[in-house]
Amino acid sequence: MMRGFVIMRASRLDQIFNQLGAIMSALDDLKAEVAATISIEQSAVTLIQGIAQQLQDALANAGVNDPALVELTTQLKSNADALAAAVSANTPAAPLASGDGSAPQA
């Protein structure tokens, strides 16, 4: 009777470990997606900042002082700053180094 109980428990433990493995795999996939998204968002910030700077430089070199174009440049920079702040606010902290007292990794 005890042997059957042990076999049932071992089988259940195998199921739990298999489920945990699937969860960890899904978590790794999600982490990769987040990293890719952050990289894309940071690229967008760089692009917007570059466009704003090119526009500002072109206006300065041409001696143009059109208030509408100056406002457009200011708006581009503001949007880039807002996007950069959003990316920074939603960027996960760096992972803890091993041996830091955190839970053991499987």
N, C-alpha and C. Protein backbone atom coordinates (compact mmCIF):
# COMPACT_ATOMS: atom_id res chain seq x y z
N MET A 1 0.82 -1.18 0.00
CA MET A 1 0.00 0.00 0.00
C MET A 1 0.87 1.26 0.00
N MET A 2 1.91 1.27 0.82
CA MET A 2 2.80 2.42 0.88
C MET A 2 3.53 2.61 -0.45
N ARG A 3 3.86 1.52 -1.11
CA ARG A 3 4.56 1.57 -2.40
C ARG A 3 3.68 2.27 -3.43
N GLY A 4 2.40 1.96 -3.48
CA GLY A 4 1.48 2.61 -4.41
C GLY A 4 1.37 4.09 -4.15
N PHE A 5 1.35 4.45 -2.88
CA PHE A 5 1.28 5.87 -2.50
C PHE A 5 2.52 6.61 -2.98
N VAL A 6 3.68 5.99 -2.79
CA VAL A 6 4.95 6.61 -3.20
C VAL A 6 4.98 6.77 -4.72
N ILE A 7 4.52 5.77 -5.45
CA ILE A 7 4.49 5.84 -6.92
C ILE A 7 3.55 6.96 -7.38
N MET A 8 2.39 7.08 -6.73
CA MET A 8 1.45 8.15 -7.09
C MET A 8 2.08 9.52 -6.83
N ARG A 9 2.76 9.67 -5.70
CA ARG A 9 3.40 10.94 -5.36
C ARG A 9 4.52 11.25 -6.35
N ALA A 10 5.31 10.25 -6.71
CA ALA A 10 6.39 10.46 -7.66
C ALA A 10 5.83 10.88 -9.02
N SER A 11 4.73 10.25 -9.41
CA SER A 11 4.09 10.62 -10.68
C SER A 11 3.60 12.06 -10.64
N ARG A 12 3.02 12.44 -9.52
CA ARG A 12 2.51 13.81 -9.37
C ARG A 12 3.66 14.82 -9.38
N LEU A 13 4.77 14.45 -8.74
CA LEU A 13 5.95 15.32 -8.76
C LEU A 13 6.47 15.49 -10.18
N ASP A 14 6.47 14.41 -10.96
CA ASP A 14 6.89 14.51 -12.36
C ASP A 14 5.99 15.48 -13.12
N GLN A 15 4.69 15.42 -12.89
CA GLN A 15 3.76 16.34 -13.55
C GLN A 15 4.06 17.79 -13.16
N ILE A 16 4.30 18.01 -11.88
CA ILE A 16 4.60 19.36 -11.40
C ILE A 16 5.90 19.87 -12.03
N PHE A 17 6.92 19.04 -12.08
CA PHE A 17 8.19 19.46 -12.69
C PHE A 17 8.02 19.75 -14.18
N ASN A 18 7.21 18.95 -14.86
CA ASN A 18 6.96 19.20 -16.28
C ASN A 18 6.23 20.53 -16.48
N GLN A 19 5.24 20.80 -15.63
CA GLN A 19 4.51 22.07 -15.71
C GLN A 19 5.44 23.23 -15.41
N LEU A 20 6.29 23.07 -14.41
CA LEU A 20 7.24 24.12 -14.06
C LEU A 20 8.19 24.38 -15.23
N GLY A 21 8.63 23.33 -15.89
CA GLY A 21 9.49 23.49 -17.06
C GLY A 21 8.80 24.27 -18.16
N ALA A 22 7.52 23.98 -18.40
CA ALA A 22 6.77 24.71 -19.42
C ALA A 22 6.59 26.17 -19.04
N ILE A 23 6.34 26.42 -17.76
CA ILE A 23 6.18 27.80 -17.28
C ILE A 23 7.49 28.56 -17.44
N MET A 24 8.59 27.95 -17.07
CA MET A 24 9.89 28.61 -17.18
C MET A 24 10.23 28.90 -18.64
N SER A 25 9.90 27.99 -19.53
CA SER A 25 10.13 28.21 -20.95
C SER A 25 9.30 29.39 -21.46
N ALA A 26 8.05 29.45 -21.04
CA ALA A 26 7.19 30.57 -21.44
C ALA A 26 7.72 31.88 -20.87
N LEU A 27 8.23 31.85 -19.65
CA LEU A 27 8.80 33.04 -19.04
C LEU A 27 10.04 33.51 -19.80
N ASP A 28 10.88 32.58 -20.20
CA ASP A 28 12.06 32.93 -21.00
C ASP A 28 11.65 33.57 -22.32
N ASP A 29 10.63 33.02 -22.96
CA ASP A 29 10.12 33.59 -24.21
C ASP A 29 9.61 35.01 -23.99
N LEU A 30 8.90 35.22 -22.90
CA LEU A 30 8.36 36.54 -22.58
C LEU A 30 9.49 37.54 -22.31
N LYS A 31 10.52 37.10 -21.60
CA LYS A 31 11.67 37.98 -21.35
C LYS A 31 12.33 38.40 -22.66
N ALA A 32 12.46 37.47 -23.59
CA ALA A 32 13.05 37.79 -24.89
C ALA A 32 12.19 38.79 -25.66
N GLU A 33 10.88 38.63 -25.59
CA GLU A 33 9.96 39.57 -26.25
C GLU A 33 10.09 40.97 -25.66
N VAL A 34 10.17 41.05 -24.34
CA VAL A 34 10.31 42.35 -23.66
C VAL A 34 11.62 43.01 -24.07
N ALA A 35 12.70 42.24 -24.09
CA ALA A 35 14.01 42.79 -24.48
C ALA A 35 13.97 43.31 -25.91
N ALA A 36 13.33 42.58 -26.82
CA ALA A 36 13.22 43.02 -28.21
C ALA A 36 12.40 44.29 -28.31
N THR A 37 11.32 44.37 -27.56
CA THR A 37 10.46 45.56 -27.58
C THR A 37 11.22 46.77 -27.06
N ILE A 38 11.95 46.60 -25.98
CA ILE A 38 12.73 47.71 -25.42
C ILE A 38 13.75 48.19 -26.44
N SER A 39 14.41 47.26 -27.11
CA SER A 39 15.40 47.63 -28.12
C SER A 39 14.76 48.43 -29.25
N ILE A 40 13.59 48.01 -29.69
CA ILE A 40 12.87 48.72 -30.75
C ILE A 40 12.47 50.11 -30.29
N GLU A 41 11.97 50.22 -29.06
CA GLU A 41 11.57 51.52 -28.53
C GLU A 41 12.77 52.46 -28.41
N GLN A 42 13.90 51.93 -27.97
CA GLN A 42 15.09 52.76 -27.86
C GLN A 42 15.58 53.21 -29.24
N SER A 43 15.44 52.35 -30.23
CA SER A 43 15.78 52.73 -31.60
C SER A 43 14.87 53.84 -32.10
N ALA A 44 13.60 53.77 -31.74
CA ALA A 44 12.65 54.82 -32.14
C ALA A 44 13.02 56.15 -31.49
N VAL A 45 13.43 56.12 -30.24
CA VAL A 45 13.86 57.35 -29.55
C VAL A 45 15.05 57.96 -30.30
N THR A 46 16.03 57.13 -30.63
CA THR A 46 17.21 57.60 -31.34
C THR A 46 16.83 58.19 -32.70
N LEU A 47 15.94 57.53 -33.41
CA LEU A 47 15.49 58.02 -34.71
C LEU A 47 14.81 59.38 -34.59
N ILE A 48 13.88 59.50 -33.65
CA ILE A 48 13.15 60.77 -33.47
C ILE A 48 14.12 61.88 -33.07
N GLN A 49 15.04 61.58 -32.17
CA GLN A 49 16.01 62.60 -31.76
C GLN A 49 16.88 63.02 -32.94
N GLY A 50 17.25 62.06 -33.77
CA GLY A 50 18.07 62.36 -34.95
C GLY A 50 17.33 63.25 -35.94
N ILE A 51 16.06 62.95 -36.18
CA ILE A 51 15.26 63.77 -37.09
C ILE A 51 15.14 65.19 -36.55
N ALA A 52 14.87 65.32 -35.28
CA ALA A 52 14.75 66.65 -34.66
C ALA A 52 16.06 67.43 -34.79
N GLN A 53 17.18 66.76 -34.55
CA GLN A 53 18.48 67.43 -34.65
C GLN A 53 18.78 67.83 -36.08
N GLN A 54 18.48 66.96 -37.04
CA GLN A 54 18.71 67.29 -38.45
C GLN A 54 17.87 68.48 -38.88
N LEU A 55 16.64 68.51 -38.43
CA LEU A 55 15.76 69.63 -38.76
C LEU A 55 16.29 70.92 -38.14
N GLN A 56 16.70 70.84 -36.89
CA GLN A 56 17.24 72.02 -36.22
C GLN A 56 18.51 72.51 -36.92
N ASP A 57 19.40 71.59 -37.29
CA ASP A 57 20.63 71.96 -37.99
C ASP A 57 20.33 72.58 -39.35
N ALA A 58 19.39 71.99 -40.09
CA ALA A 58 19.03 72.52 -41.41
C ALA A 58 18.46 73.93 -41.29
N LEU A 59 17.62 74.15 -40.30
CA LEU A 59 17.05 75.48 -40.09
C LEU A 59 18.14 76.49 -39.74
N ALA A 60 19.06 76.09 -38.88
CA ALA A 60 20.14 76.99 -38.48
C ALA A 60 21.05 77.31 -39.66
N ASN A 61 21.39 76.30 -40.46
CA ASN A 61 22.28 76.49 -41.60
C ASN A 61 21.64 77.35 -42.68
N ALA A 62 20.34 77.26 -42.83
CA ALA A 62 19.63 78.03 -43.86
C ALA A 62 19.24 79.42 -43.35
N GLY A 63 19.48 79.65 -42.08
CA GLY A 63 19.11 80.94 -41.51
C GLY A 63 17.61 81.13 -41.41
N VAL A 64 16.88 80.03 -41.35
CA VAL A 64 15.42 80.08 -41.27
C VAL A 64 15.01 80.20 -39.81
N ASN A 65 14.12 81.11 -39.54
CA ASN A 65 13.62 81.28 -38.18
C ASN A 65 12.10 81.27 -38.20
N ASP A 66 11.55 80.29 -38.91
CA ASP A 66 10.10 80.16 -39.02
C ASP A 66 9.57 79.57 -37.71
N PRO A 67 8.70 80.29 -37.01
CA PRO A 67 8.18 79.80 -35.73
C PRO A 67 7.51 78.43 -35.84
N ALA A 68 6.85 78.14 -36.94
CA ALA A 68 6.17 76.84 -37.09
C ALA A 68 7.20 75.71 -37.16
N LEU A 69 8.31 75.93 -37.87
CA LEU A 69 9.34 74.90 -37.97
C LEU A 69 10.09 74.74 -36.65
N VAL A 70 10.32 75.84 -35.97
CA VAL A 70 10.96 75.77 -34.65
C VAL A 70 10.06 75.00 -33.69
N GLU A 71 8.76 75.26 -33.74
CA GLU A 71 7.80 74.54 -32.88
C GLU A 71 7.79 73.05 -33.21
N LEU A 72 7.87 72.73 -34.50
CA LEU A 72 7.90 71.32 -34.91
C LEU A 72 9.13 70.62 -34.34
N THR A 73 10.27 71.28 -34.41
CA THR A 73 11.50 70.72 -33.86
C THR A 73 11.37 70.51 -32.35
N THR A 74 10.82 71.50 -31.68
CA THR A 74 10.62 71.40 -30.23
C THR A 74 9.68 70.26 -29.89
N GLN A 75 8.63 70.11 -30.68
CA GLN A 75 7.66 69.04 -30.44
C GLN A 75 8.30 67.66 -30.66
N LEU A 76 9.12 67.53 -31.71
CA LEU A 76 9.81 66.26 -31.95
C LEU A 76 10.71 65.91 -30.76
N LYS A 77 11.47 66.88 -30.29
CA LYS A 77 12.35 66.63 -29.14
C LYS A 77 11.54 66.25 -27.90
N SER A 78 10.44 66.94 -27.70
CA SER A 78 9.58 66.65 -26.55
C SER A 78 9.01 65.23 -26.63
N ASN A 79 8.58 64.84 -27.82
CA ASN A 79 8.04 63.49 -28.01
C ASN A 79 9.12 62.43 -27.79
N ALA A 80 10.33 62.71 -28.28
CA ALA A 80 11.43 61.77 -28.08
C ALA A 80 11.75 61.64 -26.60
N ASP A 81 11.76 62.77 -25.89
CA ASP A 81 12.03 62.73 -24.45
C ASP A 81 10.95 61.94 -23.71
N ALA A 82 9.69 62.14 -24.10
CA ALA A 82 8.59 61.42 -23.45
C ALA A 82 8.70 59.92 -23.71
N LEU A 83 9.03 59.55 -24.94
CA LEU A 83 9.19 58.13 -25.26
C LEU A 83 10.37 57.55 -24.50
N ALA A 84 11.47 58.29 -24.44
CA ALA A 84 12.65 57.81 -23.70
C ALA A 84 12.32 57.61 -22.22
N ALA A 85 11.55 58.53 -21.65
CA ALA A 85 11.16 58.40 -20.25
C ALA A 85 10.27 57.18 -20.04
N ALA A 86 9.36 56.94 -20.98
CA ALA A 86 8.48 55.77 -20.87
C ALA A 86 9.27 54.48 -20.97
N VAL A 87 10.24 54.45 -21.89
CA VAL A 87 11.07 53.26 -22.04
C VAL A 87 11.86 53.02 -20.75
N SER A 88 12.47 54.08 -20.23
CA SER A 88 13.25 53.94 -18.99
C SER A 88 12.38 53.48 -17.82
N ALA A 89 11.20 54.03 -17.72
CA ALA A 89 10.30 53.68 -16.62
C ALA A 89 9.86 52.22 -16.69
N ASN A 90 9.82 51.66 -17.88
CA ASN A 90 9.33 50.30 -18.05
C ASN A 90 10.43 49.30 -18.36
N THR A 91 11.68 49.71 -18.20
CA THR A 91 12.81 48.81 -18.42
C THR A 91 13.08 48.05 -17.13
N PRO A 92 13.08 46.71 -17.18
CA PRO A 92 13.32 45.95 -15.96
C PRO A 92 14.74 46.17 -15.45
N ALA A 93 14.90 46.04 -14.16
CA ALA A 93 16.21 46.17 -13.54
C ALA A 93 17.10 45.04 -14.02
N ALA A 94 18.40 45.25 -13.95
CA ALA A 94 19.35 44.21 -14.34
C ALA A 94 19.17 43.01 -13.43
N PRO A 95 19.32 41.79 -13.98
CA PRO A 95 19.16 40.59 -13.15
C PRO A 95 20.23 40.54 -12.06
N LEU A 96 19.87 39.94 -10.95
CA LEU A 96 20.80 39.80 -9.84
C LEU A 96 21.88 38.79 -10.20
N ALA A 97 23.08 39.02 -9.73
CA ALA A 97 24.18 38.09 -9.98
C ALA A 97 23.97 36.83 -9.18
N SER A 98 24.51 35.71 -9.67
CA SER A 98 24.37 34.46 -8.93
C SER A 98 25.16 34.56 -7.63
N GLY A 99 24.71 33.84 -6.64
CA GLY A 99 25.36 33.88 -5.34
C GLY A 99 24.94 35.08 -4.51
N ASP A 100 23.81 35.68 -4.89
CA ASP A 100 23.34 36.88 -4.20
C ASP A 100 22.33 36.58 -3.11
N GLY A 101 22.11 35.31 -2.85
CA GLY A 101 21.15 34.95 -1.82
C GLY A 101 19.74 34.77 -2.33
N SER A 102 19.56 34.88 -3.64
CA SER A 102 18.22 34.68 -4.18
C SER A 102 17.93 33.19 -4.28
N ALA A 103 16.70 32.89 -4.66
CA ALA A 103 16.28 31.49 -4.78
C ALA A 103 17.15 30.77 -5.80
N PRO A 104 17.45 29.51 -5.58
CA PRO A 104 18.28 28.75 -6.52
C PRO A 104 17.58 28.57 -7.86
N GLN A 105 18.38 28.57 -8.90
CA GLN A 105 17.88 28.38 -10.26
C GLN A 105 17.89 26.89 -10.58
N ALA A 106 16.88 26.44 -11.35
CA ALA A 106 16.81 25.02 -11.72
C ALA A 106 17.66 24.75 -12.93
